[in-house]
Amino acid sequence: MSTQGSVKWFDPKKGYGFICGPEGQDVFVHYSQIQGDGFRSLKDGEVVEYELIQGEKGYQAKDVHMAQQDAVAND
């Protein structure tokens, strides 16, 4: 089941960061779980979708990708 959250911070040099989960919990994210080709990184404040799993040290994000944006109709 997919969960949405916003990137709290992500350090591209270290390859990890945290997402703010739907209930305000910190969710660890590692660059290896970011879906996509090439350099995998996240920007602070970006809205992402991911699978929330319980790891040994707390919540972790798996299969992270950009959240789908609803199409905006131009009138």
PDB file of N, CA and C in Angstrom:
ATOM      1  N   MET A   1       0.845  -1.189   0.000  1.00  0.00           N
ATOM      2  CA  MET A   1       0.000   0.000   0.000  1.00  0.00           C
ATOM      3  C   MET A   1       0.889   1.251   0.000  1.00  0.00           C
ATOM      4  N   SER A   2       0.582   2.161  -0.884  1.00  0.00           N
ATOM      5  CA  SER A   2       1.388   3.366  -1.057  1.00  0.00           C
ATOM      6  C   SER A   2       1.008   4.438  -0.033  1.00  0.00           C
ATOM      7  N   THR A   3       2.019   5.106   0.495  1.00  0.00           N
ATOM      8  CA  THR A   3       1.845   6.180   1.462  1.00  0.00           C
ATOM      9  C   THR A   3       2.462   7.446   0.889  1.00  0.00           C
ATOM     10  N   GLN A   4       1.899   8.597   1.213  1.00  0.00           N
ATOM     11  CA  GLN A   4       2.453   9.871   0.755  1.00  0.00           C
ATOM     12  C   GLN A   4       3.064  10.635   1.914  1.00  0.00           C
ATOM     13  N   GLY A   5       4.116  11.367   1.631  1.00  0.00           N
ATOM     14  CA  GLY A   5       4.752  12.218   2.625  1.00  0.00           C
ATOM     15  C   GLY A   5       5.599  13.263   1.931  1.00  0.00           C
ATOM     16  N   SER A   6       6.164  14.169   2.714  1.00  0.00           N
ATOM     17  CA  SER A   6       7.029  15.195   2.127  1.00  0.00           C
ATOM     18  C   SER A   6       8.446  15.025   2.667  1.00  0.00           C
ATOM     19  N   VAL A   7       9.401  15.332   1.817  1.00  0.00           N
ATOM     20  CA  VAL A   7      10.808  15.175   2.182  1.00  0.00           C
ATOM     21  C   VAL A   7      11.167  16.221   3.233  1.00  0.00           C
ATOM     22  N   LYS A   8      11.605  15.741   4.392  1.00  0.00           N
ATOM     23  CA  LYS A   8      12.027  16.624   5.482  1.00  0.00           C
ATOM     24  C   LYS A   8      13.418  17.164   5.158  1.00  0.00           C
ATOM     25  N   TRP A   9      14.339  16.261   4.848  1.00  0.00           N
ATOM     26  CA  TRP A   9      15.676  16.614   4.369  1.00  0.00           C
ATOM     27  C   TRP A   9      16.297  15.385   3.731  1.00  0.00           C
ATOM     28  N   PHE A  10      17.217  15.645   2.806  1.00  0.00           N
ATOM     29  CA  PHE A  10      17.939  14.566   2.135  1.00  0.00           C
ATOM     30  C   PHE A  10      19.339  15.069   1.816  1.00  0.00           C
ATOM     31  N   ASP A  11      20.356  14.319   2.227  1.00  0.00           N
ATOM     32  CA  ASP A  11      21.751  14.681   1.975  1.00  0.00           C
ATOM     33  C   ASP A  11      22.280  13.818   0.824  1.00  0.00           C
ATOM     34  N   PRO A  12      22.419  14.394  -0.374  1.00  0.00           N
ATOM     35  CA  PRO A  12      22.874  13.598  -1.518  1.00  0.00           C
ATOM     36  C   PRO A  12      24.303  13.067  -1.361  1.00  0.00           C
ATOM     37  N   LYS A  13      25.135  13.734  -0.568  1.00  0.00           N
ATOM     38  CA  LYS A  13      26.509  13.256  -0.352  1.00  0.00           C
ATOM     39  C   LYS A  13      26.526  11.997   0.505  1.00  0.00           C
ATOM     40  N   LYS A  14      25.643  11.943   1.495  1.00  0.00           N
ATOM     41  CA  LYS A  14      25.565  10.773   2.368  1.00  0.00           C
ATOM     42  C   LYS A  14      24.605   9.720   1.821  1.00  0.00           C
ATOM     43  N   GLY A  15      23.668  10.146   0.963  1.00  0.00           N
ATOM     44  CA  GLY A  15      22.755   9.202   0.324  1.00  0.00           C
ATOM     45  C   GLY A  15      21.559   8.796   1.158  1.00  0.00           C
ATOM     46  N   TYR A  16      21.208   9.618   2.132  1.00  0.00           N
ATOM     47  CA  TYR A  16      20.019   9.308   2.922  1.00  0.00           C
ATOM     48  C   TYR A  16      19.387  10.573   3.479  1.00  0.00           C
ATOM     49  N   GLY A  17      18.194  10.404   4.026  1.00  0.00           N
ATOM     50  CA  GLY A  17      17.482  11.519   4.632  1.00  0.00           C
ATOM     51  C   GLY A  17      16.210  11.018   5.287  1.00  0.00           C
ATOM     52  N   PHE A  18      15.271  11.935   5.492  1.00  0.00           N
ATOM     53  CA  PHE A  18      14.021  11.579   6.148  1.00  0.00           C
ATOM     54  C   PHE A  18      12.828  12.208   5.449  1.00  0.00           C
ATOM     55  N   ILE A  19      11.744  11.462   5.463  1.00  0.00           N
ATOM     56  CA  ILE A  19      10.453  11.906   4.948  1.00  0.00           C
ATOM     57  C   ILE A  19       9.562  12.127   6.160  1.00  0.00           C
ATOM     58  N   CYS A  20       8.715  13.141   6.108  1.00  0.00           N
ATOM     59  CA  CYS A  20       7.711  13.363   7.147  1.00  0.00           C
ATOM     60  C   CYS A  20       6.481  12.568   6.734  1.00  0.00           C
ATOM     61  N   GLY A  21       6.161  11.529   7.489  1.00  0.00           N
ATOM     62  CA  GLY A  21       5.036  10.654   7.169  1.00  0.00           C
ATOM     63  C   GLY A  21       3.695  11.317   7.415  1.00  0.00           C
ATOM     64  N   PRO A  22       2.607  10.641   7.021  1.00  0.00           N
ATOM     65  CA  PRO A  22       1.264  11.211   7.124  1.00  0.00           C
ATOM     66  C   PRO A  22       0.824  11.527   8.555  1.00  0.00           C
ATOM     67  N   GLU A  23       1.414  10.854   9.523  1.00  0.00           N
ATOM     68  CA  GLU A  23       1.064  11.108  10.923  1.00  0.00           C
ATOM     69  C   GLU A  23       2.180  11.877  11.629  1.00  0.00           C
ATOM     70  N   GLY A  24       3.067  12.493  10.838  1.00  0.00           N
ATOM     71  CA  GLY A  24       4.147  13.295  11.397  1.00  0.00           C
ATOM     72  C   GLY A  24       5.377  12.511  11.806  1.00  0.00           C
ATOM     73  N   GLN A  25       5.372  11.201  11.588  1.00  0.00           N
ATOM     74  CA  GLN A  25       6.513  10.385  11.992  1.00  0.00           C
ATOM     75  C   GLN A  25       7.670  10.544  11.005  1.00  0.00           C
ATOM     76  N   ASP A  26       8.893  10.404  11.516  1.00  0.00           N
ATOM     77  CA  ASP A  26      10.087  10.428  10.673  1.00  0.00           C
ATOM     78  C   ASP A  26      10.238   9.072   9.998  1.00  0.00           C
ATOM     79  N   VAL A  27      10.451   9.099   8.675  1.00  0.00           N
ATOM     80  CA  VAL A  27      10.623   7.879   7.894  1.00  0.00           C
ATOM     81  C   VAL A  27      11.981   7.960   7.199  1.00  0.00           C
ATOM     82  N   PHE A  28      12.871   7.038   7.518  1.00  0.00           N
ATOM     83  CA  PHE A  28      14.207   7.001   6.924  1.00  0.00           C
ATOM     84  C   PHE A  28      14.111   6.629   5.450  1.00  0.00           C
ATOM     85  N   VAL A  29      14.882   7.319   4.607  1.00  0.00           N
ATOM     86  CA  VAL A  29      14.937   6.979   3.179  1.00  0.00           C
ATOM     87  C   VAL A  29      16.397   6.915   2.732  1.00  0.00           C
ATOM     88  N   HIS A  30      16.748   5.819   2.059  1.00  0.00           N
ATOM     89  CA  HIS A  30      18.090   5.622   1.510  1.00  0.00           C
ATOM     90  C   HIS A  30      18.011   5.781   0.000  1.00  0.00           C
ATOM     91  N   TYR A  31      19.075   6.315  -0.603  1.00  0.00           N
ATOM     92  CA  TYR A  31      19.051   6.579  -2.046  1.00  0.00           C
ATOM     93  C   TYR A  31      18.751   5.325  -2.873  1.00  0.00           C
ATOM     94  N   SER A  32      19.114   4.157  -2.373  1.00  0.00           N
ATOM     95  CA  SER A  32      18.895   2.914  -3.120  1.00  0.00           C
ATOM     96  C   SER A  32      17.412   2.588  -3.284  1.00  0.00           C
ATOM     97  N   GLN A  33      16.554   3.239  -2.491  1.00  0.00           N
ATOM     98  CA  GLN A  33      15.113   2.995  -2.576  1.00  0.00           C
ATOM     99  C   GLN A  33      14.386   4.018  -3.451  1.00  0.00           C
ATOM    100  N   ILE A  34      15.126   4.988  -4.005  1.00  0.00           N
ATOM    101  CA  ILE A  34      14.522   5.994  -4.882  1.00  0.00           C
ATOM    102  C   ILE A  34      14.460   5.419  -6.289  1.00  0.00           C
ATOM    103  N   GLN A  35      13.257   5.363  -6.854  1.00  0.00           N
ATOM    104  CA  GLN A  35      13.055   4.808  -8.185  1.00  0.00           C
ATOM    105  C   GLN A  35      13.437   5.822  -9.254  1.00  0.00           C
ATOM    106  N   GLY A  36      14.074   5.355 -10.319  1.00  0.00           N
ATOM    107  CA  GLY A  36      14.446   6.233 -11.422  1.00  0.00           C
ATOM    108  C   GLY A  36      15.834   5.915 -11.939  1.00  0.00           C
ATOM    109  N   ASP A  37      16.151   6.491 -13.078  1.00  0.00           N
ATOM    110  CA  ASP A  37      17.448   6.284 -13.710  1.00  0.00           C
ATOM    111  C   ASP A  37      18.407   7.406 -13.322  1.00  0.00           C
ATOM    112  N   GLY A  38      19.685   7.122 -13.388  1.00  0.00           N
ATOM    113  CA  GLY A  38      20.686   8.148 -13.132  1.00  0.00           C
ATOM    114  C   GLY A  38      20.842   8.463 -11.652  1.00  0.00           C
ATOM    115  N   PHE A  39      21.223   9.715 -11.388  1.00  0.00           N
ATOM    116  CA  PHE A  39      21.472  10.181 -10.021  1.00  0.00           C
ATOM    117  C   PHE A  39      20.162  10.231  -9.245  1.00  0.00           C
ATOM    118  N   ARG A  40      20.103   9.522  -8.133  1.00  0.00           N
ATOM    119  CA  ARG A  40      18.872   9.449  -7.347  1.00  0.00           C
ATOM    120  C   ARG A  40      18.995  10.311  -6.098  1.00  0.00           C
ATOM    121  N   SER A  41      18.173  11.341  -6.040  1.00  0.00           N
ATOM    122  CA  SER A  41      18.188  12.274  -4.924  1.00  0.00           C
ATOM    123  C   SER A  41      16.783  12.823  -4.723  1.00  0.00           C
ATOM    124  N   LEU A  42      16.560  13.469  -3.589  1.00  0.00           N
ATOM    125  CA  LEU A  42      15.278  14.104  -3.281  1.00  0.00           C
ATOM    126  C   LEU A  42      15.538  15.543  -2.855  1.00  0.00           C
ATOM    127  N   LYS A  43      14.549  16.393  -3.070  1.00  0.00           N
ATOM    128  CA  LYS A  43      14.651  17.796  -2.661  1.00  0.00           C
ATOM    129  C   LYS A  43      13.757  18.038  -1.454  1.00  0.00           C
ATOM    130  N   ASP A  44      14.229  18.876  -0.542  1.00  0.00           N
ATOM    131  CA  ASP A  44      13.439  19.223   0.641  1.00  0.00           C
ATOM    132  C   ASP A  44      12.072  19.745   0.216  1.00  0.00           C
ATOM    133  N   GLY A  45      11.014  19.240   0.868  1.00  0.00           N
ATOM    134  CA  GLY A  45       9.660  19.697   0.590  1.00  0.00           C
ATOM    135  C   GLY A  45       8.945  18.945  -0.517  1.00  0.00           C
ATOM    136  N   GLU A  46       9.663  18.139  -1.302  1.00  0.00           N
ATOM    137  CA  GLU A  46       9.037  17.366  -2.376  1.00  0.00           C
ATOM    138  C   GLU A  46       8.034  16.375  -1.800  1.00  0.00           C
ATOM    139  N   VAL A  47       6.912  16.195  -2.490  1.00  0.00           N
ATOM    140  CA  VAL A  47       5.920  15.202  -2.082  1.00  0.00           C
ATOM    141  C   VAL A  47       6.244  13.901  -2.812  1.00  0.00           C
ATOM    142  N   VAL A  48       6.364  12.825  -2.046  1.00  0.00           N
ATOM    143  CA  VAL A  48       6.722  11.523  -2.605  1.00  0.00           C
ATOM    144  C   VAL A  48       5.727  10.457  -2.158  1.00  0.00           C
ATOM    145  N   GLU A  49       5.698   9.360  -2.914  1.00  0.00           N
ATOM    146  CA  GLU A  49       4.925   8.180  -2.544  1.00  0.00           C
ATOM    147  C   GLU A  49       5.918   7.063  -2.260  1.00  0.00           C
ATOM    148  N   TYR A  50       5.583   6.203  -1.316  1.00  0.00           N
ATOM    149  CA  TYR A  50       6.500   5.141  -0.920  1.00  0.00           C
ATOM    150  C   TYR A  50       5.737   4.068  -0.167  1.00  0.00           C
ATOM    151  N   GLU A  51       6.383   2.926  -0.007  1.00  0.00           N
ATOM    152  CA  GLU A  51       5.840   1.854   0.814  1.00  0.00           C
ATOM    153  C   GLU A  51       6.470   1.997   2.194  1.00  0.00           C
ATOM    154  N   LEU A  52       5.643   2.095   3.216  1.00  0.00           N
ATOM    155  CA  LEU A  52       6.122   2.265   4.590  1.00  0.00           C
ATOM    156  C   LEU A  52       6.368   0.895   5.209  1.00  0.00           C
ATOM    157  N   ILE A  53       7.605   0.681   5.669  1.00  0.00           N
ATOM    158  CA  ILE A  53       7.928  -0.579   6.331  1.00  0.00           C
ATOM    159  C   ILE A  53       8.539  -0.295   7.703  1.00  0.00           C
ATOM    160  N   GLN A  54       8.408  -1.258   8.593  1.00  0.00           N
ATOM    161  CA  GLN A  54       8.999  -1.144   9.928  1.00  0.00           C
ATOM    162  C   GLN A  54      10.347  -1.845   9.899  1.00  0.00           C
ATOM    163  N   GLY A  55      11.420  -1.083  10.073  1.00  0.00           N
ATOM    164  CA  GLY A  55      12.766  -1.645  10.096  1.00  0.00           C
ATOM    165  C   GLY A  55      13.216  -1.880  11.524  1.00  0.00           C
ATOM    166  N   GLU A  56      14.440  -2.350  11.677  1.00  0.00           N
ATOM    167  CA  GLU A  56      14.992  -2.612  13.008  1.00  0.00           C
ATOM    168  C   GLU A  56      15.090  -1.352  13.856  1.00  0.00           C
ATOM    169  N   LYS A  57      15.333  -0.199  13.197  1.00  0.00           N
ATOM    170  CA  LYS A  57      15.524   1.053  13.933  1.00  0.00           C
ATOM    171  C   LYS A  57      14.374   2.035  13.755  1.00  0.00           C
ATOM    172  N   GLY A  58      13.265   1.598  13.184  1.00  0.00           N
ATOM    173  CA  GLY A  58      12.126   2.496  12.995  1.00  0.00           C
ATOM    174  C   GLY A  58      11.559   2.391  11.589  1.00  0.00           C
ATOM    175  N   TYR A  59      10.748   3.383  11.220  1.00  0.00           N
ATOM    176  CA  TYR A  59      10.106   3.373   9.910  1.00  0.00           C
ATOM    177  C   TYR A  59      11.115   3.637   8.799  1.00  0.00           C
ATOM    178  N   GLN A  60      10.900   2.935   7.669  1.00  0.00           N
ATOM    179  CA  GLN A  60      11.739   3.111   6.494  1.00  0.00           C
ATOM    180  C   GLN A  60      10.855   3.212   5.258  1.00  0.00           C
ATOM    181  N   ALA A  61      11.343   3.931   4.248  1.00  0.00           N
ATOM    182  CA  ALA A  61      10.625   4.075   2.983  1.00  0.00           C
ATOM    183  C   ALA A  61      11.222   3.119   1.957  1.00  0.00           C
ATOM    184  N   LYS A  62      10.347   2.446   1.226  1.00  0.00           N
ATOM    185  CA  LYS A  62      10.753   1.512   0.182  1.00  0.00           C
ATOM    186  C   LYS A  62      10.062   1.926  -1.110  1.00  0.00           C
ATOM    187  N   ASP A  63      10.717   1.729  -2.252  1.00  0.00           N
ATOM    188  CA  ASP A  63      10.138   2.045  -3.573  1.00  0.00           C
ATOM    189  C   ASP A  63       9.636   3.488  -3.634  1.00  0.00           C
ATOM    190  N   VAL A  64      10.504   4.430  -3.354  1.00  0.00           N
ATOM    191  CA  VAL A  64      10.157   5.855  -3.308  1.00  0.00           C
ATOM    192  C   VAL A  64      10.102   6.437  -4.723  1.00  0.00           C
ATOM    193  N   HIS A  65       9.030   7.179  -5.016  1.00  0.00           N
ATOM    194  CA  HIS A  65       8.906   7.880  -6.296  1.00  0.00           C
ATOM    195  C   HIS A  65       8.102   9.156  -6.100  1.00  0.00           C
ATOM    196  N   MET A  66       8.188  10.055  -7.064  1.00  0.00           N
ATOM    197  CA  MET A  66       7.461  11.321  -6.988  1.00  0.00           C
ATOM    198  C   MET A  66       5.963  11.051  -6.966  1.00  0.00           C
ATOM    199  N   ALA A  67       5.242  11.808  -6.165  1.00  0.00           N
ATOM    200  CA  ALA A  67       3.788  11.654  -6.076  1.00  0.00           C
ATOM    201  C   ALA A  67       3.146  12.104  -7.381  1.00  0.00           C
ATOM    202  N   GLN A  68       2.083  11.437  -7.758  1.00  0.00           N
ATOM    203  CA  GLN A  68       1.337  11.813  -8.960  1.00  0.00           C
ATOM    204  C   GLN A  68       0.594  13.107  -8.696  1.00  0.00           C
ATOM    205  N   GLN A  69       0.719  14.046  -9.607  1.00  0.00           N
ATOM    206  CA  GLN A  69       0.012  15.326  -9.500  1.00  0.00           C
ATOM    207  C   GLN A  69      -1.272  15.225 -10.308  1.00  0.00           C
ATOM    208  N   ASP A  70      -2.365  15.707  -9.754  1.00  0.00           N
ATOM    209  CA  ASP A  70      -3.617  15.745 -10.510  1.00  0.00           C
ATOM    210  C   ASP A  70      -3.462  16.741 -11.644  1.00  0.00           C
ATOM    211  N   ALA A  71      -3.971  16.364 -12.800  1.00  0.00           N
ATOM    212  CA  ALA A  71      -3.905  17.267 -13.956  1.00  0.00           C
ATOM    213  C   ALA A  71      -4.785  18.478 -13.696  1.00  0.00           C
ATOM    214  N   VAL A  72      -4.260  19.652 -13.992  1.00  0.00           N
ATOM    215  CA  VAL A  72      -5.005  20.892 -13.797  1.00  0.00           C
ATOM    216  C   VAL A  72      -5.574  21.304 -15.143  1.00  0.00           C
ATOM    217  N   ALA A  73      -6.889  21.452 -15.185  1.00  0.00           N
ATOM    218  CA  ALA A  73      -7.546  21.839 -16.439  1.00  0.00           C
ATOM    219  C   ALA A  73      -7.455  23.343 -16.619  1.00  0.00           C
ATOM    220  N   ASN A  74      -7.082  23.758 -17.802  1.00  0.00           N
ATOM    221  CA  ASN A  74      -7.040  25.184 -18.120  1.00  0.00           C
ATOM    222  C   ASN A  74      -8.353  25.587 -18.755  1.00  0.00           C
ATOM    223  N   ASP A  75      -9.001  26.593 -18.199  1.00  0.00           N
ATOM    224  CA  ASP A  75     -10.284  27.060 -18.750  1.00  0.00           C
ATOM    225  C   ASP A  75     -10.056  28.166 -19.726  1.00  0.00           C
TER     226      ASP A  75
END
